[in-house]
Amino acid sequence: MANNYKFKGVALATTAETALVTSAANETIIIKSIRVTNNTGNTPTVSMDVLDSSASAEFTIFNTKALTANNSEEFLSVPLVLEKSDALKATISSTDSIHIGITYLSIT
């Protein structure tokens, strides 16, 4: 079993649902931090869901959370676990420049 700490940065400027992190078939991911930065003077909203592959269902983590203009915010207060083939997805309400930084532990 290997443990690797990782960082994933995603720049979003689309209203389409976007996969941020997807665990492999032999991997468990423990997300420690989701840092969201709004790089504009606008105030879009962001929603995050987890696609649970074992249940074939999508579960809401954050629903239309408002982002403050030109500001960063930590979204997690407790770790979030993704099991094999689960995916963390994000959707923003506008095409504003949003950066999402995710730190996590990958266990294989």
PDB file of N, CA and C in Angstrom:
ATOM      1  N   MET A   1       0.854  -1.174   0.000  1.00  0.00           N
ATOM      2  CA  MET A   1       0.000   0.000   0.000  1.00  0.00           C
ATOM      3  C   MET A   1       0.899   1.235   0.000  1.00  0.00           C
ATOM      4  N   ALA A   2       0.665   2.120  -0.963  1.00  0.00           N
ATOM      5  CA  ALA A   2       1.453   3.342  -1.075  1.00  0.00           C
ATOM      6  C   ALA A   2       0.599   4.553  -0.728  1.00  0.00           C
ATOM      7  N   ASN A   3       1.179   5.466   0.043  1.00  0.00           N
ATOM      8  CA  ASN A   3       0.521   6.723   0.397  1.00  0.00           C
ATOM      9  C   ASN A   3       1.285   7.864  -0.257  1.00  0.00           C
ATOM     10  N   ASN A   4       0.581   8.682  -1.047  1.00  0.00           N
ATOM     11  CA  ASN A   4       1.201   9.826  -1.704  1.00  0.00           C
ATOM     12  C   ASN A   4       0.358  11.065  -1.469  1.00  0.00           C
ATOM     13  N   TYR A   5       0.995  12.129  -0.956  1.00  0.00           N
ATOM     14  CA  TYR A   5       0.312  13.399  -0.806  1.00  0.00           C
ATOM     15  C   TYR A   5       0.395  14.152  -2.123  1.00  0.00           C
ATOM     16  N   LYS A   6      -0.733  14.726  -2.540  1.00  0.00           N
ATOM     17  CA  LYS A   6      -0.784  15.379  -3.844  1.00  0.00           C
ATOM     18  C   LYS A   6      -1.523  16.712  -3.770  1.00  0.00           C
ATOM     19  N   PHE A   7      -1.270  17.544  -4.789  1.00  0.00           N
ATOM     20  CA  PHE A   7      -1.991  18.803  -4.995  1.00  0.00           C
ATOM     21  C   PHE A   7      -2.515  18.808  -6.419  1.00  0.00           C
ATOM     22  N   LYS A   8      -3.758  19.228  -6.572  1.00  0.00           N
ATOM     23  CA  LYS A   8      -4.354  19.366  -7.916  1.00  0.00           C
ATOM     24  C   LYS A   8      -4.938  20.766  -8.016  1.00  0.00           C
ATOM     25  N   GLY A   9      -4.497  21.512  -9.013  1.00  0.00           N
ATOM     26  CA  GLY A   9      -5.041  22.833  -9.273  1.00  0.00           C
ATOM     27  C   GLY A   9      -5.887  22.806 -10.530  1.00  0.00           C
ATOM     28  N   VAL A  10      -7.061  23.426 -10.462  1.00  0.00           N
ATOM     29  CA  VAL A  10      -7.966  23.469 -11.613  1.00  0.00           C
ATOM     30  C   VAL A  10      -8.422  24.910 -11.814  1.00  0.00           C
ATOM     31  N   ALA A  11      -8.275  25.417 -13.028  1.00  0.00           N
ATOM     32  CA  ALA A  11      -8.773  26.742 -13.382  1.00  0.00           C
ATOM     33  C   ALA A  11     -10.082  26.544 -14.145  1.00  0.00           C
ATOM     34  N   LEU A  12     -11.162  27.112 -13.615  1.00  0.00           N
ATOM     35  CA  LEU A  12     -12.471  26.987 -14.257  1.00  0.00           C
ATOM     36  C   LEU A  12     -12.919  28.335 -14.807  1.00  0.00           C
ATOM     37  N   ALA A  13     -13.448  28.317 -16.008  1.00  0.00           N
ATOM     38  CA  ALA A  13     -14.066  29.495 -16.610  1.00  0.00           C
ATOM     39  C   ALA A  13     -15.199  29.017 -17.512  1.00  0.00           C
ATOM     40  N   THR A  14     -15.960  28.035 -17.018  1.00  0.00           N
ATOM     41  CA  THR A  14     -17.065  27.455 -17.776  1.00  0.00           C
ATOM     42  C   THR A  14     -18.194  27.109 -16.818  1.00  0.00           C
ATOM     43  N   THR A  15     -19.397  27.115 -17.314  1.00  0.00           N
ATOM     44  CA  THR A  15     -20.542  26.733 -16.480  1.00  0.00           C
ATOM     45  C   THR A  15     -20.826  25.232 -16.562  1.00  0.00           C
ATOM     46  N   ALA A  16     -20.080  24.520 -17.364  1.00  0.00           N
ATOM     47  CA  ALA A  16     -20.271  23.069 -17.492  1.00  0.00           C
ATOM     48  C   ALA A  16     -19.716  22.356 -16.252  1.00  0.00           C
ATOM     49  N   GLU A  17     -20.406  21.299 -15.836  1.00  0.00           N
ATOM     50  CA  GLU A  17     -19.907  20.502 -14.716  1.00  0.00           C
ATOM     51  C   GLU A  17     -18.543  19.926 -15.092  1.00  0.00           C
ATOM     52  N   THR A  18     -17.568  20.062 -14.187  1.00  0.00           N
ATOM     53  CA  THR A  18     -16.193  19.670 -14.466  1.00  0.00           C
ATOM     54  C   THR A  18     -15.673  18.741 -13.379  1.00  0.00           C
ATOM     55  N   ALA A  19     -15.098  17.614 -13.782  1.00  0.00           N
ATOM     56  CA  ALA A  19     -14.478  16.702 -12.813  1.00  0.00           C
ATOM     57  C   ALA A  19     -13.181  17.315 -12.318  1.00  0.00           C
ATOM     58  N   LEU A  20     -13.016  17.377 -10.997  1.00  0.00           N
ATOM     59  CA  LEU A  20     -11.814  17.948 -10.400  1.00  0.00           C
ATOM     60  C   LEU A  20     -10.808  16.862 -10.050  1.00  0.00           C
ATOM     61  N   VAL A  21     -11.276  15.825  -9.372  1.00  0.00           N
ATOM     62  CA  VAL A  21     -10.436  14.698  -8.956  1.00  0.00           C
ATOM     63  C   VAL A  21     -11.265  13.429  -9.087  1.00  0.00           C
ATOM     64  N   THR A  22     -10.668  12.394  -9.666  1.00  0.00           N
ATOM     65  CA  THR A  22     -11.330  11.094  -9.788  1.00  0.00           C
ATOM     66  C   THR A  22     -10.386  10.032  -9.243  1.00  0.00           C
ATOM     67  N   SER A  23     -10.877   9.209  -8.345  1.00  0.00           N
ATOM     68  CA  SER A  23     -10.036   8.142  -7.803  1.00  0.00           C
ATOM     69  C   SER A  23      -9.998   6.972  -8.783  1.00  0.00           C
ATOM     70  N   ALA A  24      -8.856   6.315  -8.832  1.00  0.00           N
ATOM     71  CA  ALA A  24      -8.689   5.153  -9.711  1.00  0.00           C
ATOM     72  C   ALA A  24      -9.391   3.943  -9.101  1.00  0.00           C
ATOM     73  N   ALA A  25      -9.480   2.874  -9.862  1.00  0.00           N
ATOM     74  CA  ALA A  25     -10.170   1.666  -9.411  1.00  0.00           C
ATOM     75  C   ALA A  25      -9.486   1.022  -8.203  1.00  0.00           C
ATOM     76  N   ASN A  26      -8.188   1.273  -8.028  1.00  0.00           N
ATOM     77  CA  ASN A  26      -7.451   0.694  -6.901  1.00  0.00           C
ATOM     78  C   ASN A  26      -7.005   1.748  -5.895  1.00  0.00           C
ATOM     79  N   GLU A  27      -7.736   2.859  -5.806  1.00  0.00           N
ATOM     80  CA  GLU A  27      -7.281   4.011  -5.024  1.00  0.00           C
ATOM     81  C   GLU A  27      -8.389   4.539  -4.117  1.00  0.00           C
ATOM     82  N   THR A  28      -7.982   4.974  -2.935  1.00  0.00           N
ATOM     83  CA  THR A  28      -8.842   5.762  -2.060  1.00  0.00           C
ATOM     84  C   THR A  28      -8.186   7.127  -1.917  1.00  0.00           C
ATOM     85  N   ILE A  29      -8.978   8.177  -2.023  1.00  0.00           N
ATOM     86  CA  ILE A  29      -8.473   9.545  -1.891  1.00  0.00           C
ATOM     87  C   ILE A  29      -9.105  10.177  -0.656  1.00  0.00           C
ATOM     88  N   ILE A  30      -8.268  10.780   0.167  1.00  0.00           N
ATOM     89  CA  ILE A  30      -8.756  11.541   1.313  1.00  0.00           C
ATOM     90  C   ILE A  30      -8.408  13.004   1.055  1.00  0.00           C
ATOM     91  N   ILE A  31      -9.437  13.805   0.777  1.00  0.00           N
ATOM     92  CA  ILE A  31      -9.247  15.225   0.483  1.00  0.00           C
ATOM     93  C   ILE A  31      -9.199  15.991   1.797  1.00  0.00           C
ATOM     94  N   LYS A  32      -8.110  16.719   2.004  1.00  0.00           N
ATOM     95  CA  LYS A  32      -7.910  17.488   3.231  1.00  0.00           C
ATOM     96  C   LYS A  32      -8.347  18.948   3.067  1.00  0.00           C
ATOM     97  N   SER A  33      -8.170  19.480   1.846  1.00  0.00           N
ATOM     98  CA  SER A  33      -8.434  20.901   1.640  1.00  0.00           C
ATOM     99  C   SER A  33      -8.969  21.150   0.234  1.00  0.00           C
ATOM    100  N   ILE A  34      -9.990  22.001   0.160  1.00  0.00           N
ATOM    101  CA  ILE A  34     -10.471  22.528  -1.123  1.00  0.00           C
ATOM    102  C   ILE A  34     -10.476  24.045  -0.975  1.00  0.00           C
ATOM    103  N   ARG A  35      -9.518  24.694  -1.628  1.00  0.00           N
ATOM    104  CA  ARG A  35      -9.370  26.145  -1.561  1.00  0.00           C
ATOM    105  C   ARG A  35      -9.874  26.733  -2.866  1.00  0.00           C
ATOM    106  N   VAL A  36     -10.876  27.612  -2.796  1.00  0.00           N
ATOM    107  CA  VAL A  36     -11.482  28.205  -3.993  1.00  0.00           C
ATOM    108  C   VAL A  36     -11.160  29.697  -4.021  1.00  0.00           C
ATOM    109  N   THR A  37     -10.649  30.154  -5.160  1.00  0.00           N
ATOM    110  CA  THR A  37     -10.294  31.560  -5.323  1.00  0.00           C
ATOM    111  C   THR A  37     -11.094  32.146  -6.475  1.00  0.00           C
ATOM    112  N   ASN A  38     -11.786  33.243  -6.193  1.00  0.00           N
ATOM    113  CA  ASN A  38     -12.507  34.001  -7.216  1.00  0.00           C
ATOM    114  C   ASN A  38     -11.578  35.112  -7.678  1.00  0.00           C
ATOM    115  N   ASN A  39     -11.136  35.060  -8.922  1.00  0.00           N
ATOM    116  CA  ASN A  39     -10.178  36.027  -9.459  1.00  0.00           C
ATOM    117  C   ASN A  39     -10.843  37.220 -10.123  1.00  0.00           C
ATOM    118  N   THR A  40     -12.122  37.442  -9.857  1.00  0.00           N
ATOM    119  CA  THR A  40     -12.844  38.538 -10.514  1.00  0.00           C
ATOM    120  C   THR A  40     -13.553  39.400  -9.472  1.00  0.00           C
ATOM    121  N   GLY A  41     -14.085  40.499  -9.941  1.00  0.00           N
ATOM    122  CA  GLY A  41     -14.883  41.381  -9.091  1.00  0.00           C
ATOM    123  C   GLY A  41     -16.339  40.955  -9.023  1.00  0.00           C
ATOM    124  N   ASN A  42     -16.696  39.885  -9.706  1.00  0.00           N
ATOM    125  CA  ASN A  42     -18.068  39.383  -9.693  1.00  0.00           C
ATOM    126  C   ASN A  42     -18.273  38.423  -8.525  1.00  0.00           C
ATOM    127  N   THR A  43     -19.513  37.989  -8.328  1.00  0.00           N
ATOM    128  CA  THR A  43     -19.827  37.081  -7.217  1.00  0.00           C
ATOM    129  C   THR A  43     -20.590  35.854  -7.713  1.00  0.00           C
ATOM    130  N   PRO A  44     -19.897  34.966  -8.438  1.00  0.00           N
ATOM    131  CA  PRO A  44     -20.565  33.750  -8.901  1.00  0.00           C
ATOM    132  C   PRO A  44     -20.808  32.784  -7.747  1.00  0.00           C
ATOM    133  N   THR A  45     -21.527  31.717  -8.028  1.00  0.00           N
ATOM    134  CA  THR A  45     -21.716  30.652  -7.047  1.00  0.00           C
ATOM    135  C   THR A  45     -21.039  29.385  -7.563  1.00  0.00           C
ATOM    136  N   VAL A  46     -20.724  28.488  -6.631  1.00  0.00           N
ATOM    137  CA  VAL A  46     -20.117  27.212  -6.995  1.00  0.00           C
ATOM    138  C   VAL A  46     -20.863  26.097  -6.276  1.00  0.00           C
ATOM    139  N   SER A  47     -21.054  24.991  -6.978  1.00  0.00           N
ATOM    140  CA  SER A  47     -21.640  23.784  -6.399  1.00  0.00           C
ATOM    141  C   SER A  47     -20.653  22.653  -6.608  1.00  0.00           C
ATOM    142  N   MET A  48     -20.572  21.744  -5.624  1.00  0.00           N
ATOM    143  CA  MET A  48     -19.710  20.574  -5.745  1.00  0.00           C
ATOM    144  C   MET A  48     -20.498  19.326  -5.401  1.00  0.00           C
ATOM    145  N   ASP A  49     -20.262  18.287  -6.193  1.00  0.00           N
ATOM    146  CA  ASP A  49     -20.926  17.004  -6.016  1.00  0.00           C
ATOM    147  C   ASP A  49     -19.884  15.900  -6.059  1.00  0.00           C
ATOM    148  N   VAL A  50     -20.231  14.774  -5.442  1.00  0.00           N
ATOM    149  CA  VAL A  50     -19.426  13.563  -5.573  1.00  0.00           C
ATOM    150  C   VAL A  50     -20.254  12.546  -6.330  1.00  0.00           C
ATOM    151  N   LEU A  51     -19.683  12.032  -7.412  1.00  0.00           N
ATOM    152  CA  LEU A  51     -20.297  10.936  -8.137  1.00  0.00           C
ATOM    153  C   LEU A  51     -19.829   9.655  -7.464  1.00  0.00           C
ATOM    154  N   ASP A  52     -20.742   8.986  -6.772  1.00  0.00           N
ATOM    155  CA  ASP A  52     -20.453   7.738  -6.073  1.00  0.00           C
ATOM    156  C   ASP A  52     -20.649   6.600  -7.056  1.00  0.00           C
ATOM    157  N   SER A  53     -19.553   6.033  -7.524  1.00  0.00           N
ATOM    158  CA  SER A  53     -19.642   5.000  -8.560  1.00  0.00           C
ATOM    159  C   SER A  53     -20.298   3.720  -8.053  1.00  0.00           C
ATOM    160  N   SER A  54     -20.153   3.407  -6.768  1.00  0.00           N
ATOM    161  CA  SER A  54     -20.754   2.174  -6.247  1.00  0.00           C
ATOM    162  C   SER A  54     -22.277   2.284  -6.165  1.00  0.00           C
ATOM    163  N   ALA A  55     -22.797   3.486  -5.931  1.00  0.00           N
ATOM    164  CA  ALA A  55     -24.246   3.689  -5.842  1.00  0.00           C
ATOM    165  C   ALA A  55     -24.822   4.219  -7.155  1.00  0.00           C
ATOM    166  N   SER A  56     -23.960   4.513  -8.109  1.00  0.00           N
ATOM    167  CA  SER A  56     -24.382   5.117  -9.384  1.00  0.00           C
ATOM    168  C   SER A  56     -25.263   6.335  -9.144  1.00  0.00           C
ATOM    169  N   ALA A  57     -24.827   7.178  -8.197  1.00  0.00           N
ATOM    170  CA  ALA A  57     -25.597   8.366  -7.837  1.00  0.00           C
ATOM    171  C   ALA A  57     -24.650   9.527  -7.564  1.00  0.00           C
ATOM    172  N   GLU A  58     -25.178  10.737  -7.690  1.00  0.00           N
ATOM    173  CA  GLU A  58     -24.414  11.942  -7.416  1.00  0.00           C
ATOM    174  C   GLU A  58     -24.943  12.577  -6.131  1.00  0.00           C
ATOM    175  N   PHE A  59     -24.031  12.962  -5.237  1.00  0.00           N
ATOM    176  CA  PHE A  59     -24.406  13.531  -3.948  1.00  0.00           C
ATOM    177  C   PHE A  59     -23.825  14.932  -3.812  1.00  0.00           C
ATOM    178  N   THR A  60     -24.649  15.873  -3.368  1.00  0.00           N
ATOM    179  CA  THR A  60     -24.246  17.270  -3.236  1.00  0.00           C
ATOM    180  C   THR A  60     -23.378  17.461  -2.001  1.00  0.00           C
ATOM    181  N   ILE A  61     -22.223  18.117  -2.203  1.00  0.00           N
ATOM    182  CA  ILE A  61     -21.326  18.468  -1.104  1.00  0.00           C
ATOM    183  C   ILE A  61     -21.561  19.932  -0.716  1.00  0.00           C
ATOM    184  N   PHE A  62     -21.613  20.815  -1.726  1.00  0.00           N
ATOM    185  CA  PHE A  62     -21.948  22.233  -1.540  1.00  0.00           C
ATOM    186  C   PHE A  62     -22.940  22.600  -2.628  1.00  0.00           C
ATOM    187  N   ASN A  63     -23.981  23.331  -2.264  1.00  0.00           N
ATOM    188  CA  ASN A  63     -24.986  23.724  -3.243  1.00  0.00           C
ATOM    189  C   ASN A  63     -25.037  25.239  -3.343  1.00  0.00           C
ATOM    190  N   THR A  64     -24.698  25.757  -4.492  1.00  0.00           N
ATOM    191  CA  THR A  64     -24.706  27.193  -4.811  1.00  0.00           C
ATOM    192  C   THR A  64     -24.110  28.047  -3.693  1.00  0.00           C
ATOM    193  N   LYS A  65     -22.876  27.759  -3.344  1.00  0.00           N
ATOM    194  CA  LYS A  65     -22.145  28.548  -2.346  1.00  0.00           C
ATOM    195  C   LYS A  65     -21.625  29.819  -3.018  1.00  0.00           C
ATOM    196  N   ALA A  66     -21.980  30.955  -2.468  1.00  0.00           N
ATOM    197  CA  ALA A  66     -21.588  32.242  -3.048  1.00  0.00           C
ATOM    198  C   ALA A  66     -20.105  32.515  -2.817  1.00  0.00           C
ATOM    199  N   LEU A  67     -19.452  33.026  -3.855  1.00  0.00           N
ATOM    200  CA  LEU A  67     -18.037  33.387  -3.767  1.00  0.00           C
ATOM    201  C   LEU A  67     -17.912  34.901  -3.673  1.00  0.00           C
ATOM    202  N   THR A  68     -17.126  35.371  -2.745  1.00  0.00           N
ATOM    203  CA  THR A  68     -16.873  36.797  -2.581  1.00  0.00           C
ATOM    204  C   THR A  68     -15.923  37.270  -3.680  1.00  0.00           C
ATOM    205  N   ALA A  69     -16.129  38.485  -4.162  1.00  0.00           N
ATOM    206  CA  ALA A  69     -15.285  39.037  -5.217  1.00  0.00           C
ATOM    207  C   ALA A  69     -13.828  39.112  -4.771  1.00  0.00           C
ATOM    208  N   ASN A  70     -12.917  38.712  -5.667  1.00  0.00           N
ATOM    209  CA  ASN A  70     -11.467  38.814  -5.439  1.00  0.00           C
ATOM    210  C   ASN A  70     -11.034  38.251  -4.088  1.00  0.00           C
ATOM    211  N   ASN A  71     -11.486  37.052  -3.783  1.00  0.00           N
ATOM    212  CA  ASN A  71     -11.211  36.478  -2.465  1.00  0.00           C
ATOM    213  C   ASN A  71     -11.030  34.966  -2.570  1.00  0.00           C
ATOM    214  N   SER A  72     -10.384  34.390  -1.560  1.00  0.00           N
ATOM    215  CA  SER A  72     -10.212  32.940  -1.464  1.00  0.00           C
ATOM    216  C   SER A  72     -10.925  32.428  -0.233  1.00  0.00           C
ATOM    217  N   GLU A  73     -11.360  31.156  -0.306  1.00  0.00           N
ATOM    218  CA  GLU A  73     -12.075  30.563   0.818  1.00  0.00           C
ATOM    219  C   GLU A  73     -11.789  29.067   0.883  1.00  0.00           C
ATOM    220  N   GLU A  74     -11.626  28.572   2.102  1.00  0.00           N
ATOM    221  CA  GLU A  74     -11.473  27.137   2.338  1.00  0.00           C
ATOM    222  C   GLU A  74     -12.865  26.534   2.435  1.00  0.00           C
ATOM    223  N   PHE A  75     -13.113  25.465   1.668  1.00  0.00           N
ATOM    224  CA  PHE A  75     -14.448  24.864   1.625  1.00  0.00           C
ATOM    225  C   PHE A  75     -14.624  23.693   2.566  1.00  0.00           C
ATOM    226  N   LEU A  76     -13.552  23.060   3.017  1.00  0.00           N
ATOM    227  CA  LEU A  76     -13.690  21.884   3.877  1.00  0.00           C
ATOM    228  C   LEU A  76     -13.313  22.192   5.318  1.00  0.00           C
ATOM    229  N   SER A  77     -14.085  21.660   6.248  1.00  0.00           N
ATOM    230  CA  SER A  77     -13.713  21.726   7.656  1.00  0.00           C
ATOM    231  C   SER A  77     -13.386  20.332   8.188  1.00  0.00           C
ATOM    232  N   VAL A  78     -13.765  19.306   7.434  1.00  0.00           N
ATOM    233  CA  VAL A  78     -13.437  17.908   7.756  1.00  0.00           C
ATOM    234  C   VAL A  78     -13.015  17.226   6.457  1.00  0.00           C
ATOM    235  N   PRO A  79     -12.215  16.161   6.533  1.00  0.00           N
ATOM    236  CA  PRO A  79     -11.787  15.473   5.303  1.00  0.00           C
ATOM    237  C   PRO A  79     -12.960  14.863   4.541  1.00  0.00           C
ATOM    238  N   LEU A  80     -12.765  14.717   3.247  1.00  0.00           N
ATOM    239  CA  LEU A  80     -13.753  14.121   2.342  1.00  0.00           C
ATOM    240  C   LEU A  80     -13.097  12.909   1.696  1.00  0.00           C
ATOM    241  N   VAL A  81     -13.753  11.745   1.755  1.00  0.00           N
ATOM    242  CA  VAL A  81     -13.180  10.505   1.235  1.00  0.00           C
ATOM    243  C   VAL A  81     -13.833  10.135  -0.095  1.00  0.00           C
ATOM    244  N   LEU A  82     -12.983   9.839  -1.078  1.00  0.00           N
ATOM    245  CA  LEU A  82     -13.440   9.309  -2.363  1.00  0.00           C
ATOM    246  C   LEU A  82     -12.934   7.873  -2.461  1.00  0.00           C
ATOM    247  N   GLU A  83     -13.852   6.939  -2.639  1.00  0.00           N
ATOM    248  CA  GLU A  83     -13.471   5.541  -2.803  1.00  0.00           C
ATOM    249  C   GLU A  83     -13.285   5.243  -4.279  1.00  0.00           C
ATOM    250  N   LYS A  84     -12.965   3.991  -4.593  1.00  0.00           N
ATOM    251  CA  LYS A  84     -12.598   3.631  -5.963  1.00  0.00           C
ATOM    252  C   LYS A  84     -13.590   4.147  -7.005  1.00  0.00           C
ATOM    253  N   SER A  85     -13.037   4.820  -7.993  1.00  0.00           N
ATOM    254  CA  SER A  85     -13.759   5.353  -9.155  1.00  0.00           C
ATOM    255  C   SER A  85     -14.757   6.465  -8.837  1.00  0.00           C
ATOM    256  N   ASP A  86     -14.753   7.020  -7.615  1.00  0.00           N
ATOM    257  CA  ASP A  86     -15.592   8.182  -7.291  1.00  0.00           C
ATOM    258  C   ASP A  86     -14.973   9.439  -7.899  1.00  0.00           C
ATOM    259  N   ALA A  87     -15.797  10.458  -8.155  1.00  0.00           N
ATOM    260  CA  ALA A  87     -15.307  11.696  -8.748  1.00  0.00           C
ATOM    261  C   ALA A  87     -15.881  12.905  -8.020  1.00  0.00           C
ATOM    262  N   LEU A  88     -15.021  13.884  -7.732  1.00  0.00           N
ATOM    263  CA  LEU A  88     -15.445  15.173  -7.198  1.00  0.00           C
ATOM    264  C   LEU A  88     -15.625  16.109  -8.379  1.00  0.00           C
ATOM    265  N   LYS A  89     -16.819  16.730  -8.486  1.00  0.00           N
ATOM    266  CA  LYS A  89     -17.138  17.599  -9.613  1.00  0.00           C
ATOM    267  C   LYS A  89     -17.556  18.983  -9.122  1.00  0.00           C
ATOM    268  N   ALA A  90     -17.324  19.986  -9.962  1.00  0.00           N
ATOM    269  CA  ALA A  90     -17.705  21.360  -9.626  1.00  0.00           C
ATOM    270  C   ALA A  90     -18.459  21.993 -10.786  1.00  0.00           C
ATOM    271  N   THR A  91     -19.389  22.891 -10.433  1.00  0.00           N
ATOM    272  CA  THR A  91     -20.120  23.682 -11.420  1.00  0.00           C
ATOM    273  C   THR A  91     -20.162  25.113 -10.899  1.00  0.00           C
ATOM    274  N   ILE A  92     -19.798  26.078 -11.753  1.00  0.00           N
ATOM    275  CA  ILE A  92     -19.908  27.486 -11.352  1.00  0.00           C
ATOM    276  C   ILE A  92     -21.011  28.146 -12.173  1.00  0.00           C
ATOM    277  N   SER A  93     -21.564  29.228 -11.626  1.00  0.00           N
ATOM    278  CA  SER A  93     -22.745  29.850 -12.218  1.00  0.00           C
ATOM    279  C   SER A  93     -22.438  30.766 -13.399  1.00  0.00           C
ATOM    280  N   SER A  94     -21.159  31.076 -13.622  1.00  0.00           N
ATOM    281  CA  SER A  94     -20.808  31.981 -14.721  1.00  0.00           C
ATOM    282  C   SER A  94     -19.447  31.586 -15.272  1.00  0.00           C
ATOM    283  N   THR A  95     -18.994  32.276 -16.281  1.00  0.00           N
ATOM    284  CA  THR A  95     -17.700  31.963 -16.885  1.00  0.00           C
ATOM    285  C   THR A  95     -16.578  32.801 -16.268  1.00  0.00           C
ATOM    286  N   ASP A  96     -16.759  33.232 -15.035  1.00  0.00           N
ATOM    287  CA  ASP A  96     -15.712  33.981 -14.338  1.00  0.00           C
ATOM    288  C   ASP A  96     -14.511  33.074 -14.061  1.00  0.00           C
ATOM    289  N   SER A  97     -13.364  33.680 -13.797  1.00  0.00           N
ATOM    290  CA  SER A  97     -12.132  32.939 -13.532  1.00  0.00           C
ATOM    291  C   SER A  97     -12.096  32.461 -12.078  1.00  0.00           C
ATOM    292  N   ILE A  98     -12.241  31.155 -11.902  1.00  0.00           N
ATOM    293  CA  ILE A  98     -12.229  30.541 -10.578  1.00  0.00           C
ATOM    294  C   ILE A  98     -11.088  29.533 -10.542  1.00  0.00           C
ATOM    295  N   HIS A  99     -10.257  29.591  -9.503  1.00  0.00           N
ATOM    296  CA  HIS A  99      -9.200  28.603  -9.315  1.00  0.00           C
ATOM    297  C   HIS A  99      -9.547  27.750  -8.104  1.00  0.00           C
ATOM    298  N   ILE A 100      -9.363  26.438  -8.249  1.00  0.00           N
ATOM    299  CA  ILE A 100      -9.644  25.505  -7.162  1.00  0.00           C
ATOM    300  C   ILE A 100      -8.371  24.712  -6.894  1.00  0.00           C
ATOM    301  N   GLY A 101      -7.906  24.757  -5.653  1.00  0.00           N
ATOM    302  CA  GLY A 101      -6.730  24.002  -5.237  1.00  0.00           C
ATOM    303  C   GLY A 101      -7.152  22.901  -4.278  1.00  0.00           C
ATOM    304  N   ILE A 102      -6.783  21.666  -4.583  1.00  0.00           N
ATOM    305  CA  ILE A 102      -7.188  20.522  -3.779  1.00  0.00           C
ATOM    306  C   ILE A 102      -5.935  19.807  -3.280  1.00  0.00           C
ATOM    307  N   THR A 103      -5.824  19.620  -1.964  1.00  0.00           N
ATOM    308  CA  THR A 103      -4.744  18.813  -1.409  1.00  0.00           C
ATOM    309  C   THR A 103      -5.355  17.534  -0.874  1.00  0.00           C
ATOM    310  N   TYR A 104      -4.675  16.410  -1.174  1.00  0.00           N
ATOM    311  CA  TYR A 104      -5.258  15.129  -0.797  1.00  0.00           C
ATOM    312  C   TYR A 104      -4.186  14.055  -0.623  1.00  0.00           C
ATOM    313  N   LEU A 105      -4.600  12.981   0.040  1.00  0.00           N
ATOM    314  CA  LEU A 105      -3.783  11.796   0.216  1.00  0.00           C
ATOM    315  C   LEU A 105      -4.326  10.711  -0.696  1.00  0.00           C
ATOM    316  N   SER A 106      -3.461  10.155  -1.525  1.00  0.00           N
ATOM    317  CA  SER A 106      -3.820   9.062  -2.411  1.00  0.00           C
ATOM    318  C   SER A 106      -3.289   7.767  -1.802  1.00  0.00           C
ATOM    319  N   ILE A 107      -4.186   6.816  -1.570  1.00  0.00           N
ATOM    320  CA  ILE A 107      -3.803   5.525  -0.994  1.00  0.00           C
ATOM    321  C   ILE A 107      -4.085   4.445  -2.036  1.00  0.00           C
ATOM    322  N   THR A 108      -3.028   3.719  -2.443  1.00  0.00           N
ATOM    323  CA  THR A 108      -3.188   2.644  -3.429  1.00  0.00           C
ATOM    324  C   THR A 108      -2.710   1.328  -2.859  1.00  0.00           C
TER     325      THR A 108
END
